[in-house]
Amino acid sequence: MRKKNKKIKEYNSNQKSFYFEDYLETNKKNKFLKKNNLFQDRIYLLFFLFFSLILIFSIRIIHVSLNNFEIYNTEKTPNKFTLLRRDIVDRNGELISRNVKSFHAAINPSYVTNKDNFLLRLRINFPELPIKQIEKKLIKGKYFYLKKRINQNEKKKLWGLGEKAIIFEPFQSRIYTHGNLFSHIVGQVDYDNYGVSGVEKYFDKELKNKNLSDEPLQLTLDTNIQHLISKELNSSLNTFKASGGGALLMDVENGEILSLVSLPNFDINSRVNLNDKKYLNKITKGVYELGSIFKTFTVALALDNELVEPETIIENIPRTVKCSKYEISDIKEFPKNLSVEDILIRSSNIGTLMIAKKVGEEKFKKFIDDTKLLKTSEIQLEEIGNPIGFEWNKCKLETVSYGHGITTTPLQAVSVYAALVNGGKIIKPSLIKESKEEKNSALVSKKTSKQINNILRKVVTEKEGTASLADIHGYYVGGKTGTSQNYKFKNENLNTFVSIFPFQRPRYALLVMLENPQIAKDLIYDYRGVKIRGFRNEAGWNSVYVAGKIIEKIGPILAINSREFNNRYVAETIN
């Protein structure tokens, strides 16, 4: 019994020990679980924080990418770049002029930490700067400009010096994308963005109109054509050793100017004051005796007054004509009897003079008044020449008839030619595309205009014509030459050629003029299929040659060399 009780006690004792040990184990497990849950909570919290940061940055990146922000540097700049002047573009939208942000580099001496080191670095990086003067200004301690109107490369170099004393002052600069290509037309602005010449001055108020800042001022000019004409004309100055030249291409229907070139020209980005007369705008401001191109006006006037027909024979044309104390003659000998059209084709002074006498002084005066040849041109430029006035005294009718003793600008001469060949309507030359239609008064009848076109074509195609070098295949060119002499310097000529094309119904008039050209002895001409060297210094041997080269280059752009185009004009002319 005792043994049994002893066993039971031992069993019970073992049972208590078992349960005690089980309790301890469970307690340990609970503590471990609590610690594990706390660790997981921390991981979740960190994950949430990282996820939130990634989400915030992603939203910010998307926001930035979908919005345009202007990045500013540390300089004090306006919050928004507002153009002070509108853009200027050509007829095709090609940029000609625009305002851009530029900088002046200034120095605040109080911020210079090491003067000697600063001057040394300036001397190394900008050897062209007057270092001694800069040193004196640093000593004075007053704010001064280191260099005005710096370019981007200069700004980067100055910025790279790491000198806090250098301050970049922002301003708006006017840049011209084509340098000297439009120098005589576009003009320039001053440092305060006010127009001082050319289109910039004429349209200064309109170009500064803030309500139109997003709308560029569109010119009638064609950049591609301007480039081709300028290049060919520049080449001709070298070929003929001419001191200057000019060219004008005009639409005879509406007066729009597609190209205006005057040489020598200059880079309008350099903003240099030019007082030399050689940089004069020869097309709009130059006033000249243009010579025999005036003979076309005399013939047109006689035809329009029905005094003659193109085939009318002017008989017994003398070799010379005495007028007051002067004697008028032709450069070369012509037949005694010439038709009216032959007089213009061969360019006879005496023959033209005899036609002018048929017209009479009063009708000639009225014609000159109607054409406004002796008045200031109306065009959107400030640089306009004033023709020299004269009195209709003895011999004036005779000399004016062939272009002697009367002056005008090339622009005015081309405008009159445009009226003679476009059906007779007077047009106003323009550099701006006009949308409004103007009522054009008539200078001559359509019949006269057609007769003049046919004669001008023969000046180019006929054997005795003076402009055969302009007979470029497929372009149907007509025109008239003019060679005039300088009163003061007898060895100086102004050689001019006014061409129209296509002659069936002219669309364009092109004037080419050369100042003081010389005989191009090394130039080989293709003269009616024969190769010959230059031997004469007349418009037919230089200005006509250049005009032919130009028409050949710009023809494809103007699309006047296509058979379909010409056939259409021929059909319209016949109908």
Protein backbone atom coordinates (compact mmCIF):
# COMPACT_ATOMS: atom_id res chain seq x y z
CA MET A 1 0.00 0.00 0.00
CA ARG A 2 2.74 2.32 0.91
CA LYS A 3 4.55 1.42 -2.20
CA LYS A 4 1.47 2.18 -4.19
CA ASN A 5 0.97 5.55 -2.54
CA LYS A 6 4.57 6.34 -3.10
CA LYS A 7 4.24 5.67 -6.78
CA ILE A 8 1.16 7.85 -6.99
CA LYS A 9 2.96 10.74 -5.32
CA GLU A 10 5.85 10.36 -7.63
CA TYR A 11 3.46 10.40 -10.56
CA ASN A 12 1.69 13.48 -9.34
CA SER A 13 4.97 15.08 -8.74
CA ASN A 14 5.99 14.32 -12.29
CA GLN A 15 2.71 15.68 -13.60
CA LYS A 16 3.19 19.08 -11.94
CA SER A 17 6.64 19.29 -13.35
CA PHE A 18 5.33 18.49 -16.83
CA TYR A 19 2.70 21.13 -16.77
CA PHE A 20 5.13 23.72 -15.45
CA GLU A 21 7.54 23.04 -18.21
CA ASP A 22 4.77 23.28 -20.83
CA TYR A 23 3.71 26.67 -19.53
CA LEU A 24 7.17 28.07 -19.83
CA GLU A 25 7.50 26.88 -23.44
CA THR A 26 4.18 28.45 -24.44
CA ASN A 27 5.13 31.71 -22.82
CA LYS A 28 8.36 31.81 -24.80
CA LYS A 29 6.48 31.21 -28.05
CA ASN A 30 4.05 34.06 -27.34
CA LYS A 31 6.87 36.45 -26.69
CA PHE A 32 8.55 35.43 -29.95
CA LEU A 33 5.32 35.97 -31.87
CA LYS A 34 4.91 39.44 -30.41
CA LYS A 35 8.43 40.38 -31.39
CA ASN A 36 7.94 38.94 -34.88
CA ASN A 37 4.71 40.93 -35.40
CA LEU A 38 6.40 44.13 -34.29
CA PHE A 39 9.25 43.57 -36.80
CA GLN A 40 6.75 42.95 -39.60
CA ASP A 41 4.87 46.15 -38.74
CA ARG A 42 8.08 48.10 -39.03
CA ILE A 43 8.80 46.55 -42.44
CA TYR A 44 5.31 47.44 -43.63
CA LEU A 45 5.74 50.99 -42.39
CA LEU A 46 9.08 51.39 -44.18
CA PHE A 47 7.65 49.88 -47.35
CA PHE A 48 4.72 52.31 -47.19
CA LEU A 49 7.09 55.25 -46.73
CA PHE A 50 9.28 54.21 -49.67
CA PHE A 51 6.23 53.58 -51.84
CA SER A 52 4.82 57.00 -50.95
CA LEU A 53 8.10 58.71 -51.87
CA ILE A 54 8.28 56.87 -55.19
CA LEU A 55 4.68 57.80 -55.93
CA ILE A 56 5.30 61.47 -55.10
CA PHE A 57 8.41 61.64 -57.32
CA SER A 58 6.59 59.86 -60.16
CA ILE A 59 3.70 62.32 -60.01
CA ARG A 60 6.18 65.24 -59.97
CA ILE A 61 8.09 63.89 -62.98
CA ILE A 62 4.86 63.44 -64.94
CA HIS A 63 3.75 66.94 -63.97
CA VAL A 64 7.04 68.49 -65.11
CA SER A 65 7.05 66.55 -68.37
CA LEU A 66 3.54 67.70 -69.25
CA ASN A 67 4.21 71.38 -68.56
CA ASN A 68 6.65 73.84 -70.14
CA PHE A 69 8.85 75.57 -67.63
CA GLU A 70 11.37 78.25 -68.42
CA ILE A 71 14.69 77.59 -66.72
CA TYR A 72 16.36 80.64 -65.27
CA ASN A 73 19.91 81.12 -64.17
CA THR A 74 21.03 83.05 -61.13
CA GLU A 75 20.90 86.41 -62.86
CA LYS A 76 18.06 88.75 -62.11
CA THR A 77 15.81 88.21 -65.11
CA PRO A 78 12.13 88.95 -65.74
CA ASN A 79 9.71 86.13 -65.06
CA LYS A 80 8.58 86.17 -68.68
CA PHE A 81 10.40 86.97 -71.94
CA THR A 82 8.13 89.38 -73.80
CA LEU A 83 9.21 90.39 -77.29
CA LEU A 84 9.75 94.12 -77.74
CA ARG A 85 9.50 93.78 -81.54
CA ARG A 86 7.71 91.40 -83.87
CA ASP A 87 9.51 89.00 -86.17
CA ILE A 88 10.04 89.86 -89.83
CA VAL A 89 9.65 87.03 -92.36
CA ASP A 90 9.75 86.67 -96.14
CA ARG A 91 6.83 85.72 -98.41
CA ASN A 92 7.34 82.02 -97.55
CA GLY A 93 7.57 82.50 -93.79
CA GLU A 94 11.39 82.32 -93.74
CA LEU A 95 12.71 84.20 -90.70
CA ILE A 96 14.59 87.42 -91.49
CA SER A 97 14.67 89.27 -88.17
CA ARG A 98 13.93 88.39 -84.52
CA ASN A 99 14.52 89.63 -80.98
CA VAL A 100 16.52 87.31 -78.70
CA LYS A 101 17.74 87.48 -75.11
CA SER A 102 21.31 88.77 -74.91
CA PHE A 103 23.58 90.01 -72.14
CA HIS A 104 25.94 92.78 -71.10
CA ALA A 105 28.81 91.73 -68.83
CA ALA A 106 29.29 94.13 -65.89
CA ILE A 107 31.65 94.20 -62.89
CA ASN A 108 30.86 95.04 -59.25
CA PRO A 109 34.35 95.78 -57.82
CA SER A 110 33.20 95.27 -54.22
CA TYR A 111 32.74 91.55 -54.95
CA VAL A 112 36.24 90.99 -56.35
CA THR A 113 38.16 88.93 -53.78
CA ASN A 114 41.54 88.80 -55.50
CA LYS A 115 42.06 91.64 -57.95
CA ASP A 116 45.41 90.44 -59.36
CA ASN A 117 44.13 86.92 -59.93
CA PHE A 118 40.98 88.21 -61.54
CA LEU A 119 42.89 90.47 -63.95
CA LEU A 120 45.27 87.64 -64.82
CA ARG A 121 42.42 85.32 -65.76
CA LEU A 122 40.79 88.06 -67.83
CA ARG A 123 44.04 88.66 -69.68
CA ILE A 124 44.43 84.95 -70.47
CA ASN A 125 40.84 84.34 -71.59
CA PHE A 126 40.11 87.75 -73.18
CA PRO A 127 43.38 89.19 -74.52
CA GLU A 128 41.46 91.78 -76.55
CA LEU A 129 40.12 93.53 -73.42
CA PRO A 130 41.86 96.73 -72.20
CA ILE A 131 43.18 95.24 -68.96
CA LYS A 132 44.87 98.45 -67.75
CA GLN A 133 41.64 100.41 -68.06
CA ILE A 134 39.75 97.62 -66.27
CA GLU A 135 42.33 97.74 -63.46
CA LYS A 136 41.81 101.50 -63.03
CA LYS A 137 38.03 101.02 -62.88
CA LEU A 138 38.44 98.31 -60.26
CA ILE A 139 40.47 100.70 -58.11
CA LYS A 140 37.74 103.34 -58.36
CA GLY A 141 35.31 100.74 -57.00
CA LYS A 142 32.35 101.81 -59.10
CA TYR A 143 30.05 99.49 -61.04
CA PHE A 144 31.10 99.34 -64.72
CA TYR A 145 30.57 97.37 -67.92
CA LEU A 146 33.25 94.88 -68.82
CA LYS A 147 31.82 94.25 -72.28
CA LYS A 148 28.49 95.04 -73.90
CA ARG A 149 26.49 92.74 -76.16
CA ILE A 150 28.46 89.57 -75.45
CA ASN A 151 27.76 86.43 -77.42
CA GLN A 152 27.02 83.01 -75.94
CA ASN A 153 30.63 81.81 -76.16
CA GLU A 154 31.86 84.89 -74.33
CA LYS A 155 29.19 84.44 -71.69
CA LYS A 156 30.23 80.82 -71.09
CA LYS A 157 33.88 81.79 -70.77
CA LEU A 158 33.08 84.56 -68.30
CA TRP A 159 30.77 82.27 -66.36
CA GLY A 160 33.52 79.67 -66.23
CA LEU A 161 35.80 82.09 -64.38
CA GLY A 162 33.65 81.51 -61.31
CA GLU A 163 33.91 85.16 -60.29
CA LYS A 164 30.87 86.43 -58.39
CA ALA A 165 31.80 90.02 -59.28
CA ILE A 166 30.76 89.39 -62.90
CA ILE A 167 27.11 90.29 -63.43
CA PHE A 168 25.19 89.44 -66.59
CA GLU A 169 22.61 92.10 -67.42
CA PRO A 170 19.88 90.77 -69.75
CA PHE A 171 18.49 92.78 -72.65
CA GLN A 172 16.77 92.11 -75.99
CA SER A 173 18.96 92.11 -79.08
CA ARG A 174 17.74 92.19 -82.68
CA ILE A 175 19.39 89.59 -84.88
CA TYR A 176 19.24 89.25 -88.66
CA THR A 177 19.42 85.65 -89.78
CA HIS A 178 20.84 86.37 -93.24
CA GLY A 179 23.51 88.93 -92.36
CA ASN A 180 24.04 91.15 -95.39
CA LEU A 181 21.46 89.57 -97.73
CA PHE A 182 18.70 92.10 -96.92
CA SER A 183 20.88 94.92 -95.60
CA HIS A 184 19.40 97.65 -97.83
CA ILE A 185 15.80 96.63 -97.16
CA VAL A 186 15.35 95.45 -93.59
CA GLY A 187 17.54 98.12 -92.00
CA GLN A 188 18.53 98.20 -88.33
CA VAL A 189 17.41 99.09 -84.81
CA ASP A 190 19.33 100.97 -82.14
CA TYR A 191 20.27 99.64 -78.70
CA ASP A 192 16.84 100.62 -77.37
CA ASN A 193 15.05 98.62 -80.06
CA TYR A 194 13.88 101.61 -82.08
CA GLY A 195 14.07 101.31 -85.87
CA VAL A 196 16.68 103.58 -87.40
CA SER A 197 16.60 102.53 -91.08
CA GLY A 198 14.84 100.44 -93.71
CA VAL A 199 11.68 98.47 -92.97
CA GLU A 200 12.59 98.51 -89.27
CA LYS A 201 12.16 102.29 -89.21
CA TYR A 202 9.22 102.56 -91.60
CA PHE A 203 7.15 100.03 -89.62
CA ASP A 204 8.63 100.86 -86.21
CA LYS A 205 5.25 101.47 -84.57
CA GLU A 206 3.66 98.34 -86.03
CA LEU A 207 6.65 96.18 -85.12
CA LYS A 208 6.41 97.30 -81.47
CA ASN A 209 2.66 96.67 -81.26
CA LYS A 210 2.26 94.21 -78.36
CA ASN A 211 -1.18 93.12 -79.59
CA LEU A 212 0.47 91.75 -82.75
CA SER A 213 3.58 90.25 -81.07
CA ASP A 214 2.67 86.71 -82.19
CA GLU A 215 2.04 87.81 -85.79
CA PRO A 216 5.21 88.41 -87.86
CA LEU A 217 5.50 91.21 -90.40
CA GLN A 218 5.55 89.46 -93.78
CA LEU A 219 7.47 90.96 -96.68
CA THR A 220 7.02 90.23 -100.38
CA LEU A 221 10.67 89.21 -100.71
CA ASP A 222 11.75 85.66 -101.50
CA THR A 223 14.90 84.63 -99.62
CA ASN A 224 15.92 81.99 -102.15
CA ILE A 225 15.56 84.35 -105.11
CA GLN A 226 17.32 87.14 -103.21
CA HIS A 227 20.24 84.80 -102.53
CA LEU A 228 20.55 83.68 -106.16
CA ILE A 229 20.38 87.21 -107.57
CA SER A 230 22.82 88.56 -104.98
CA LYS A 231 25.28 85.75 -105.70
CA GLU A 232 25.14 86.24 -109.47
CA LEU A 233 25.40 90.02 -109.20
CA ASN A 234 28.37 89.75 -106.83
CA SER A 235 30.08 87.47 -109.32
CA SER A 236 29.45 89.96 -112.12
CA LEU A 237 31.19 92.75 -110.18
CA ASN A 238 34.34 90.65 -110.26
CA THR A 239 33.89 89.63 -113.89
CA PHE A 240 33.41 93.19 -115.16
CA LYS A 241 35.47 94.96 -112.46
CA ALA A 242 32.43 97.12 -111.65
CA SER A 243 32.42 99.41 -108.60
CA GLY A 244 28.82 98.61 -107.74
CA GLY A 245 25.57 97.21 -108.98
CA GLY A 246 21.92 96.61 -108.32
CA ALA A 247 19.01 94.38 -109.27
CA LEU A 248 15.25 94.54 -108.81
CA LEU A 249 12.67 91.82 -109.48
CA MET A 250 9.03 92.93 -109.47
CA ASP A 251 5.68 91.27 -110.11
CA VAL A 252 4.20 93.50 -112.83
CA GLU A 253 0.63 92.54 -111.92
CA ASN A 254 0.58 93.75 -108.31
CA GLY A 255 3.89 95.56 -107.76
CA GLU A 256 5.20 93.07 -105.22
CA ILE A 257 9.01 93.16 -105.00
CA LEU A 258 10.47 89.67 -104.85
CA SER A 259 14.08 90.78 -104.71
CA LEU A 260 15.99 94.02 -104.21
CA VAL A 261 19.79 93.89 -104.25
CA SER A 262 22.25 96.77 -103.98
CA LEU A 263 26.01 96.18 -103.97
CA PRO A 264 28.21 96.58 -102.11
CA ASN A 265 26.14 95.57 -99.10
CA PHE A 266 27.02 95.14 -95.41
CA ASP A 267 26.28 92.90 -92.43
CA ILE A 268 23.46 94.55 -90.48
CA ASN A 269 24.29 92.48 -87.38
CA SER A 270 27.53 94.45 -86.93
CA ARG A 271 25.65 97.77 -86.51
CA VAL A 272 28.36 99.96 -87.97
CA ASN A 273 27.70 103.54 -89.09
CA LEU A 274 28.18 103.66 -92.85
CA ASN A 275 28.75 107.09 -94.34
CA ASP A 276 30.41 105.97 -97.57
CA LYS A 277 28.13 106.64 -100.56
CA LYS A 278 29.05 103.31 -102.10
CA TYR A 279 26.70 101.68 -99.56
CA LEU A 280 23.76 103.74 -100.85
CA ASN A 281 20.61 101.80 -101.75
CA LYS A 282 21.09 102.13 -105.50
CA ILE A 283 17.62 100.88 -106.39
CA THR A 284 15.43 103.19 -104.27
CA LYS A 285 17.71 106.09 -103.33
CA GLY A 286 20.17 106.24 -106.23
CA VAL A 287 19.14 108.81 -108.87
CA TYR A 288 20.54 108.26 -112.37
CA GLU A 289 20.25 108.97 -116.03
CA LEU A 290 19.22 105.52 -117.17
CA GLY A 291 19.82 106.14 -120.86
CA SER A 292 18.15 104.27 -123.68
CA ILE A 293 15.59 102.42 -121.60
CA PHE A 294 13.61 105.70 -121.88
CA LYS A 295 13.25 105.11 -125.62
CA THR A 296 10.58 102.53 -124.80
CA PHE A 297 8.49 105.27 -123.17
CA THR A 298 8.77 107.48 -126.24
CA VAL A 299 7.69 104.70 -128.61
CA ALA A 300 4.84 103.63 -126.31
CA LEU A 301 3.57 107.20 -126.13
CA ALA A 302 3.55 107.54 -129.94
CA LEU A 303 1.78 104.20 -130.37
CA ASP A 304 -0.82 105.01 -127.72
CA ASN A 305 -1.64 108.33 -129.37
CA GLU A 306 -2.03 106.45 -132.67
CA LEU A 307 0.59 108.64 -134.30
CA VAL A 308 2.44 105.58 -135.60
CA GLU A 309 2.25 101.79 -135.79
CA PRO A 310 5.17 99.44 -135.14
CA GLU A 311 5.64 99.02 -138.90
CA THR A 312 5.47 102.75 -139.70
CA ILE A 313 8.62 103.84 -141.56
CA ILE A 314 10.42 106.93 -140.33
CA GLU A 315 12.14 108.21 -143.45
CA ASN A 316 15.29 110.23 -143.98
CA ILE A 317 16.74 109.86 -140.54
CA PRO A 318 19.80 112.17 -140.47
CA ARG A 319 23.19 111.17 -139.10
CA THR A 320 23.24 114.05 -136.65
CA VAL A 321 20.82 116.69 -135.35
CA LYS A 322 21.89 120.15 -134.26
CA CYS A 323 20.03 121.29 -131.15
CA SER A 324 21.05 124.68 -129.73
CA LYS A 325 24.81 124.46 -129.30
CA TYR A 326 24.76 120.65 -129.00
CA GLU A 327 24.97 118.00 -131.68
CA ILE A 328 23.05 114.75 -131.21
CA SER A 329 24.18 111.60 -133.01
CA ASP A 330 24.08 107.81 -132.82
CA ILE A 331 26.95 105.68 -131.59
CA LYS A 332 26.90 103.64 -134.78
CA GLU A 333 25.56 104.14 -138.28
CA PHE A 334 21.98 103.07 -139.08
CA PRO A 335 19.97 102.97 -142.34
CA LYS A 336 18.27 106.21 -143.35
CA ASN A 337 14.82 104.65 -143.20
CA LEU A 338 13.76 102.63 -140.15
CA SER A 339 10.43 101.36 -138.89
CA VAL A 340 9.29 102.46 -135.44
CA GLU A 341 10.03 99.04 -133.97
CA ASP A 342 13.45 98.94 -135.65
CA ILE A 343 14.31 102.26 -134.05
CA LEU A 344 13.71 100.69 -130.62
CA ILE A 345 15.31 97.36 -131.54
CA ARG A 346 18.50 99.02 -132.82
CA SER A 347 18.31 101.77 -130.18
CA SER A 348 18.63 104.79 -132.46
CA ASN A 349 18.87 108.18 -130.71
CA ILE A 350 18.00 110.19 -133.80
CA GLY A 351 15.10 107.93 -134.76
CA THR A 352 13.64 108.19 -131.24
CA LEU A 353 14.08 111.95 -131.32
CA MET A 354 12.04 112.15 -134.55
CA ILE A 355 9.27 110.06 -132.99
CA ALA A 356 9.23 112.38 -129.94
CA LYS A 357 8.71 115.38 -132.23
CA LYS A 358 5.58 113.69 -133.58
CA VAL A 359 4.32 113.31 -130.00
CA GLY A 360 5.00 116.90 -128.99
CA GLU A 361 6.09 118.48 -125.74
CA GLU A 362 2.64 118.77 -124.10
CA LYS A 363 1.78 115.09 -124.46
CA PHE A 364 5.26 114.12 -123.34
CA LYS A 365 4.92 116.33 -120.24
CA LYS A 366 1.60 114.70 -119.37
CA PHE A 367 3.12 111.24 -119.79
CA ILE A 368 6.00 112.11 -117.44
CA ASP A 369 3.49 113.45 -114.89
CA ASP A 370 1.29 110.35 -115.15
CA THR A 371 4.25 108.03 -114.60
CA LYS A 372 5.53 110.10 -111.62
CA LEU A 373 9.06 109.59 -112.90
CA LEU A 374 10.13 112.94 -111.48
CA LYS A 375 8.44 112.46 -108.11
CA THR A 376 9.54 110.65 -104.97
CA SER A 377 8.68 106.95 -105.06
CA GLU A 378 6.05 105.53 -102.75
CA ILE A 379 7.44 102.43 -101.08
CA GLN A 380 7.77 101.20 -97.49
CA LEU A 381 11.31 102.50 -96.97
CA GLU A 382 12.82 105.67 -95.59
CA GLU A 383 15.72 105.61 -98.06
CA ILE A 384 14.07 107.17 -101.13
CA GLY A 385 15.77 109.29 -103.77
CA ASN A 386 14.39 112.50 -105.25
CA PRO A 387 14.76 112.83 -109.03
CA ILE A 388 16.37 116.05 -110.19
CA GLY A 389 13.83 118.46 -111.59
CA PHE A 390 14.31 120.38 -114.84
CA GLU A 391 12.63 122.93 -117.07
CA TRP A 392 11.24 122.12 -120.50
CA ASN A 393 13.51 124.51 -122.32
CA LYS A 394 14.95 124.24 -125.80
CA CYS A 395 16.16 120.75 -126.75
CA LYS A 396 14.65 119.14 -123.63
CA LEU A 397 12.09 117.13 -125.59
CA GLU A 398 14.77 115.85 -127.97
CA THR A 399 17.19 114.76 -125.23
CA VAL A 400 14.59 113.34 -122.84
CA SER A 401 13.21 111.16 -125.66
CA TYR A 402 16.28 108.91 -125.55
CA GLY A 403 17.00 109.22 -121.79
CA HIS A 404 19.50 112.06 -121.73
CA GLY A 405 18.99 114.96 -119.30
CA ILE A 406 16.32 113.25 -117.19
CA THR A 407 17.00 111.39 -113.95
CA THR A 408 15.00 108.97 -111.84
CA THR A 409 15.49 105.97 -109.56
CA PRO A 410 15.69 102.41 -110.92
CA LEU A 411 12.60 101.59 -108.84
CA GLN A 412 10.54 104.23 -110.65
CA ALA A 413 11.81 103.11 -114.05
CA VAL A 414 10.82 99.48 -113.41
CA SER A 415 7.39 100.60 -112.14
CA VAL A 416 6.76 102.38 -115.46
CA TYR A 417 7.92 99.33 -117.41
CA ALA A 418 5.54 97.21 -115.36
CA ALA A 419 2.65 99.45 -116.41
CA LEU A 420 3.67 99.37 -120.07
CA VAL A 421 3.75 95.57 -120.25
CA ASN A 422 0.95 94.44 -117.89
CA GLY A 423 -1.85 95.71 -120.08
CA GLY A 424 -1.39 99.37 -119.27
CA LYS A 425 -2.41 99.62 -115.60
CA ILE A 426 -0.26 101.72 -113.25
CA ILE A 427 0.88 99.71 -110.22
CA LYS A 428 2.39 100.73 -106.91
CA PRO A 429 5.60 98.95 -105.88
CA SER A 430 5.38 97.28 -102.49
CA LEU A 431 7.47 95.34 -99.97
CA ILE A 432 4.41 94.22 -98.00
CA LYS A 433 1.81 91.72 -99.14
CA GLU A 434 -1.34 93.80 -99.51
CA SER A 435 -4.72 92.10 -99.28
CA LYS A 436 -6.80 95.07 -100.37
CA GLU A 437 -7.41 95.66 -104.05
CA GLU A 438 -6.70 99.10 -105.46
CA LYS A 439 -8.23 100.67 -108.55
CA ASN A 440 -5.43 101.09 -111.04
CA SER A 441 -5.52 103.93 -113.55
CA ALA A 442 -4.37 103.26 -117.11
CA LEU A 443 -1.10 104.53 -118.50
CA VAL A 444 -1.51 103.05 -121.99
CA SER A 445 -4.09 100.88 -123.73
CA LYS A 446 -3.97 97.08 -123.81
CA LYS A 447 -3.28 97.27 -127.52
CA THR A 448 -0.22 99.48 -126.95
CA SER A 449 0.95 97.21 -124.15
CA LYS A 450 0.81 94.18 -126.43
CA GLN A 451 2.69 96.03 -129.19
CA ILE A 452 5.43 97.07 -126.76
CA ASN A 453 5.79 93.49 -125.50
CA ASN A 454 6.30 92.22 -129.03
CA ILE A 455 8.93 94.87 -129.77
CA LEU A 456 10.80 94.22 -126.52
CA ARG A 457 10.93 90.55 -127.42
CA LYS A 458 12.50 91.43 -130.77
CA VAL A 459 15.16 93.50 -129.00
CA VAL A 460 16.33 90.15 -127.60
CA THR A 461 15.69 87.87 -130.57
CA GLU A 462 16.38 89.97 -133.67
CA LYS A 463 19.84 90.00 -135.24
CA GLU A 464 20.08 93.79 -134.88
CA GLY A 465 18.76 93.74 -131.32
CA THR A 466 20.93 94.93 -128.42
CA ALA A 467 20.02 92.25 -125.88
CA SER A 468 20.58 88.88 -127.56
CA LEU A 469 22.62 87.55 -124.59
CA ALA A 470 19.39 87.46 -122.55
CA ASP A 471 17.70 85.07 -124.97
CA ILE A 472 17.66 82.11 -122.56
CA HIS A 473 15.82 79.16 -124.08
CA GLY A 474 12.32 78.60 -122.72
CA TYR A 475 11.97 81.89 -120.84
CA TYR A 476 10.67 84.21 -123.61
CA VAL A 477 12.57 87.25 -122.41
CA GLY A 478 12.04 90.74 -123.77
CA GLY A 479 13.73 93.96 -122.69
CA LYS A 480 15.62 97.16 -123.39
CA THR A 481 19.21 98.19 -122.75
CA GLY A 482 20.49 101.53 -121.52
CA THR A 483 24.04 102.88 -121.41
CA SER A 484 24.63 106.29 -119.88
CA GLN A 485 27.80 108.22 -119.15
CA ASN A 486 28.90 110.09 -116.05
CA TYR A 487 29.06 113.85 -116.69
CA LYS A 488 32.12 114.38 -114.50
CA PHE A 489 34.05 111.25 -115.41
CA LYS A 490 33.65 110.41 -119.09
CA ASN A 491 35.19 106.97 -118.66
CA GLU A 492 32.49 105.89 -116.18
CA ASN A 493 29.31 104.24 -117.42
CA LEU A 494 26.05 103.13 -115.87
CA ASN A 495 24.87 100.11 -117.86
CA THR A 496 21.29 99.00 -117.39
CA PHE A 497 18.97 96.34 -118.75
CA VAL A 498 15.25 96.07 -117.97
CA SER A 499 13.81 92.69 -118.94
CA ILE A 500 10.27 91.32 -118.88
CA PHE A 501 9.19 87.67 -119.06
CA PRO A 502 7.40 85.76 -120.43
CA PHE A 503 6.68 88.33 -123.13
CA GLN A 504 3.32 86.80 -124.23
CA ARG A 505 1.82 88.03 -120.97
CA PRO A 506 4.57 89.37 -118.73
CA ARG A 507 4.51 88.46 -115.07
CA TYR A 508 7.92 89.73 -113.96
CA ALA A 509 10.19 92.68 -114.65
CA LEU A 510 13.90 92.42 -113.80
CA LEU A 511 16.31 95.34 -113.79
CA VAL A 512 20.08 94.80 -113.67
CA MET A 513 22.51 97.71 -113.45
CA LEU A 514 26.29 97.88 -113.22
CA GLU A 515 28.30 100.91 -112.16
CA ASN A 516 31.50 101.59 -114.05
CA PRO A 517 31.89 98.11 -115.61
CA GLN A 518 34.97 97.33 -117.68
CA ILE A 519 35.41 95.15 -120.76
CA ALA A 520 35.70 91.52 -119.70
CA LYS A 521 38.44 90.52 -122.13
CA ASP A 522 38.79 87.01 -120.72
CA LEU A 523 35.07 86.26 -120.79
CA ILE A 524 33.91 83.97 -123.62
CA TYR A 525 30.38 84.82 -124.78
CA ASP A 526 28.02 82.46 -126.54
CA TYR A 527 26.76 85.04 -129.02
CA ARG A 528 24.10 83.44 -131.20
CA GLY A 529 25.95 80.14 -131.23
CA VAL A 530 29.37 81.71 -131.83
CA LYS A 531 32.06 81.81 -129.15
CA ILE A 532 33.61 85.28 -128.93
CA ARG A 533 35.59 87.33 -126.40
CA GLY A 534 34.33 90.54 -124.87
CA PHE A 535 35.33 93.65 -126.78
CA ARG A 536 32.67 96.31 -125.97
CA ASN A 537 31.65 98.12 -122.79
CA GLU A 538 27.92 98.51 -123.37
CA ALA A 539 24.86 97.22 -121.50
CA GLY A 540 24.33 94.56 -124.16
CA TRP A 541 27.69 93.04 -123.24
CA ASN A 542 27.49 93.10 -119.44
CA SER A 543 24.12 93.95 -117.85
CA VAL A 544 22.26 91.82 -120.41
CA TYR A 545 24.69 88.95 -119.87
CA VAL A 546 24.16 89.12 -116.08
CA ALA A 547 20.36 89.32 -116.45
CA GLY A 548 20.40 86.17 -118.60
CA LYS A 549 22.39 84.32 -115.93
CA ILE A 550 19.98 85.47 -113.23
CA ILE A 551 16.84 84.49 -115.15
CA GLU A 552 18.33 81.08 -115.84
CA LYS A 553 18.87 80.60 -112.06
CA ILE A 554 15.57 81.93 -110.73
CA GLY A 555 13.40 80.60 -113.56
CA PRO A 556 12.74 77.20 -111.96
CA ILE A 557 11.63 78.89 -108.74
CA LEU A 558 9.27 81.23 -110.55
CA ALA A 559 8.02 78.28 -112.62
CA ILE A 560 8.05 80.24 -115.84
CA ASN A 561 10.11 77.78 -117.81
CA SER A 562 7.45 75.05 -117.96
CA ARG A 563 5.76 74.40 -121.28
CA GLU A 564 2.35 74.21 -119.64
CA PHE A 565 2.79 77.67 -118.08
CA ASN A 566 3.81 79.31 -121.32
CA ASN A 567 1.17 77.55 -123.38
CA ARG A 568 -1.47 78.81 -120.96
CA TYR A 569 -0.25 82.39 -121.31
CA VAL A 570 -0.06 82.12 -125.08
CA ALA A 571 -3.64 80.81 -125.18
CA GLU A 572 -4.87 83.59 -122.88
CA THR A 573 -3.09 86.20 -124.95
CA ILE A 574 -4.64 84.94 -128.18
CA ASN A 575 -8.11 84.78 -126.66
